[in-house]
Amino acid sequence: MTETNNTTKTQGGCLNQVAWILGLNLVWFLLAVFAGWLGWHAYSLSTNGEVVTGTVTNFVEDDLSSSFTDIYPVVDFKVNGEKYSVRSQNNYRWWNKYTRFPIGKEVEIRYDPADPENAEINSWLDLWGEPLILGMFALIAAIGINVYIWFRWRSQRNMQAAV
């Protein structure tokens, strides 16, 4: 009876480990797919997009109660005489409100000619920052977790072989 319970516990533990491995790898895979989608969006905007000058008109602020508020600049620009307004997808620290994005400053905007509302501030970091950071995080986390799991599996296998 005791031998059967130990076998059942070992099989249950093994299935539990496999479920964790598959679940974590699915999370990393989905993060990598999302980073790829963001990268494709940035690539298509940088290759097919057109550049126009816009004017910083407003800011959307994250947390008004904090002195370290993140800001999202809002930029107005015109395409074929029609006015568009775009809020940056990226957040900036409060000091950029005065240094990089003062109200009234002209900045370059890259937009999709087929959909001018699909636009972003024309800088390398604004276009490529999110996909690179998310992609690197997903890659490092996936490698780190899988290496950890592999070493743990090897040590458990060696301990079982020694017994």
Protein backbone atom coordinates (compact mmCIF):
# COMPACT_ATOMS: atom_id res chain seq x y z
CA MET A 1 0.00 0.00 0.00
CA THR A 2 2.79 2.44 0.88
CA GLU A 3 4.63 1.60 -2.34
CA THR A 4 1.51 2.37 -4.42
CA ASN A 5 1.02 5.74 -2.68
CA ASN A 6 4.66 6.72 -3.32
CA THR A 7 4.29 5.82 -7.02
CA THR A 8 1.08 7.84 -7.26
CA LYS A 9 2.71 10.84 -5.53
CA THR A 10 5.71 10.64 -7.88
CA GLN A 11 3.48 10.49 -10.96
CA GLY A 12 1.31 13.35 -9.64
CA GLY A 13 4.41 15.42 -8.89
CA CYS A 14 5.77 14.72 -12.36
CA LEU A 15 2.49 15.73 -14.00
CA ASN A 16 2.39 18.85 -11.84
CA GLN A 17 5.93 19.76 -12.96
CA VAL A 18 5.07 19.16 -16.62
CA ALA A 19 1.98 21.37 -16.25
CA TRP A 20 4.12 24.15 -14.74
CA ILE A 21 6.72 23.83 -17.50
CA LEU A 22 4.09 23.93 -20.23
CA GLY A 23 2.17 26.76 -18.56
CA LEU A 24 5.23 28.97 -18.08
CA ASN A 25 6.45 28.30 -21.60
CA LEU A 26 3.01 29.17 -22.94
CA VAL A 27 3.17 32.50 -21.09
CA TRP A 28 6.64 33.26 -22.52
CA PHE A 29 5.46 32.23 -25.98
CA LEU A 30 2.43 34.52 -25.80
CA LEU A 31 4.63 37.40 -24.60
CA ALA A 32 7.00 36.74 -27.50
CA VAL A 33 4.07 36.70 -29.96
CA PHE A 34 2.82 40.00 -28.54
CA ALA A 35 6.34 41.48 -28.78
CA GLY A 36 6.49 40.24 -32.38
CA TRP A 37 3.17 41.90 -33.15
CA LEU A 38 4.40 45.17 -31.62
CA GLY A 39 7.62 44.82 -33.62
CA TRP A 40 5.68 44.23 -36.84
CA HIS A 41 3.57 47.30 -36.11
CA ALA A 42 6.73 49.38 -35.52
CA TYR A 43 8.37 47.97 -38.65
CA SER A 44 5.37 48.67 -40.89
CA LEU A 45 5.03 52.18 -39.46
CA SER A 46 8.74 52.89 -39.95
CA THR A 47 8.85 51.53 -43.52
CA ASN A 48 5.43 52.55 -44.87
CA GLY A 49 4.74 55.54 -42.66
CA GLU A 50 5.09 59.15 -43.66
CA VAL A 51 6.58 61.89 -41.51
CA VAL A 52 4.84 65.17 -40.74
CA THR A 53 5.45 67.88 -38.17
CA GLY A 54 3.00 68.14 -35.29
CA THR A 55 2.63 70.36 -32.25
CA VAL A 56 2.51 69.26 -28.61
CA THR A 57 -0.84 70.53 -27.34
CA ASN A 58 -1.50 68.68 -24.10
CA PHE A 59 -0.38 65.99 -21.67
CA VAL A 60 -2.18 63.05 -20.17
CA GLU A 61 -0.76 62.48 -16.70
CA ASP A 62 -0.77 59.17 -14.84
CA ASP A 63 -0.87 60.00 -11.15
CA LEU A 64 -1.57 63.59 -10.23
CA SER A 65 -0.97 62.95 -6.51
CA SER A 66 2.67 62.00 -7.05
CA SER A 67 5.50 64.42 -7.70
CA PHE A 68 6.99 61.83 -10.08
CA THR A 69 4.09 61.77 -12.51
CA ASP A 70 4.45 60.03 -15.85
CA ILE A 71 3.20 61.98 -18.83
CA TYR A 72 1.91 61.03 -22.26
CA PRO A 73 2.32 63.89 -24.74
CA VAL A 74 -0.64 64.65 -27.00
CA VAL A 75 0.38 65.91 -30.44
CA ASP A 76 -1.86 67.50 -33.08
CA PHE A 77 -0.90 67.21 -36.74
CA LYS A 78 -2.51 67.69 -40.14
CA VAL A 79 -2.70 65.31 -43.08
CA ASN A 80 -4.26 66.58 -46.32
CA GLY A 81 -5.84 69.48 -44.43
CA GLU A 82 -7.52 67.21 -41.86
CA LYS A 83 -6.49 67.59 -38.22
CA TYR A 84 -5.55 64.53 -36.15
CA SER A 85 -4.56 64.21 -32.54
CA VAL A 86 -2.47 61.35 -31.19
CA ARG A 87 -1.45 60.49 -27.65
CA SER A 88 1.97 58.89 -27.41
CA GLN A 89 1.91 55.18 -26.60
CA ASN A 90 5.01 55.67 -24.46
CA ASN A 91 5.13 57.37 -21.10
CA TYR A 92 7.81 59.82 -20.11
CA ARG A 93 8.95 61.12 -16.75
CA TRP A 94 7.66 64.47 -15.58
CA TRP A 95 10.83 66.38 -16.50
CA ASN A 96 10.28 65.63 -20.20
CA LYS A 97 7.24 67.88 -19.93
CA TYR A 98 9.64 70.82 -19.71
CA THR A 99 12.68 69.58 -21.61
CA ARG A 100 11.56 67.34 -24.45
CA PHE A 101 7.85 68.08 -24.88
CA PRO A 102 6.97 71.62 -23.82
CA ILE A 103 3.52 72.68 -25.00
CA GLY A 104 3.80 74.34 -28.39
CA LYS A 105 6.95 72.47 -29.41
CA GLU A 106 6.98 70.99 -32.89
CA VAL A 107 7.88 67.31 -33.10
CA GLU A 108 7.99 64.84 -35.97
CA ILE A 109 5.13 62.36 -36.18
CA ARG A 110 5.24 59.17 -38.22
CA TYR A 111 1.79 58.05 -39.36
CA ASP A 112 0.21 55.37 -41.52
CA PRO A 113 -1.05 57.00 -44.76
CA ALA A 114 -3.97 54.54 -44.89
CA ASP A 115 -4.93 55.34 -41.28
CA PRO A 116 -3.48 58.66 -40.03
CA GLU A 117 -4.83 58.00 -36.52
CA ASN A 118 -2.24 55.21 -36.33
CA ALA A 119 0.69 57.48 -35.50
CA GLU A 120 3.58 57.82 -33.09
CA ILE A 121 6.29 60.33 -32.26
CA ASN A 122 9.05 59.76 -34.81
CA SER A 123 11.96 58.59 -32.69
CA TRP A 124 13.71 55.26 -32.48
CA LEU A 125 12.77 54.72 -28.85
CA ASP A 126 9.11 55.57 -29.42
CA LEU A 127 8.82 53.12 -32.31
CA TRP A 128 11.02 50.27 -31.11
CA GLY A 129 11.19 50.60 -27.30
CA GLU A 130 8.15 48.50 -26.37
CA PRO A 131 8.78 45.53 -28.69
CA LEU A 132 12.46 45.34 -27.78
CA ILE A 133 11.96 45.57 -24.03
CA LEU A 134 9.08 43.08 -24.01
CA GLY A 135 10.87 40.72 -26.40
CA MET A 136 14.09 40.79 -24.37
CA PHE A 137 12.14 40.18 -21.15
CA ALA A 138 10.28 37.22 -22.68
CA LEU A 139 13.50 35.72 -24.06
CA ILE A 140 15.53 36.14 -20.87
CA ALA A 141 12.68 34.86 -18.68
CA ALA A 142 12.06 31.85 -20.93
CA ILE A 143 15.74 30.89 -21.01
CA GLY A 144 16.21 31.50 -17.29
CA ILE A 145 13.16 29.51 -16.20
CA ASN A 146 13.89 26.62 -18.57
CA VAL A 147 17.55 26.42 -17.48
CA TYR A 148 16.44 26.45 -13.83
CA ILE A 149 13.86 23.71 -14.49
CA TRP A 150 16.39 21.63 -16.42
CA PHE A 151 19.01 21.84 -13.64
CA ARG A 152 16.39 21.05 -11.01
CA TRP A 153 15.15 18.06 -13.02
CA ARG A 154 18.75 16.80 -13.45
CA SER A 155 19.48 17.11 -9.73
CA GLN A 156 16.26 15.28 -8.81
CA ARG A 157 17.06 12.57 -11.35
CA ASN A 158 20.57 12.17 -9.94
CA MET A 159 19.21 12.00 -6.38
CA GLN A 160 16.70 9.31 -7.39
CA ALA A 161 19.44 7.33 -9.14
CA ALA A 162 21.61 7.50 -6.01
CA VAL A 163 18.81 6.07 -3.84
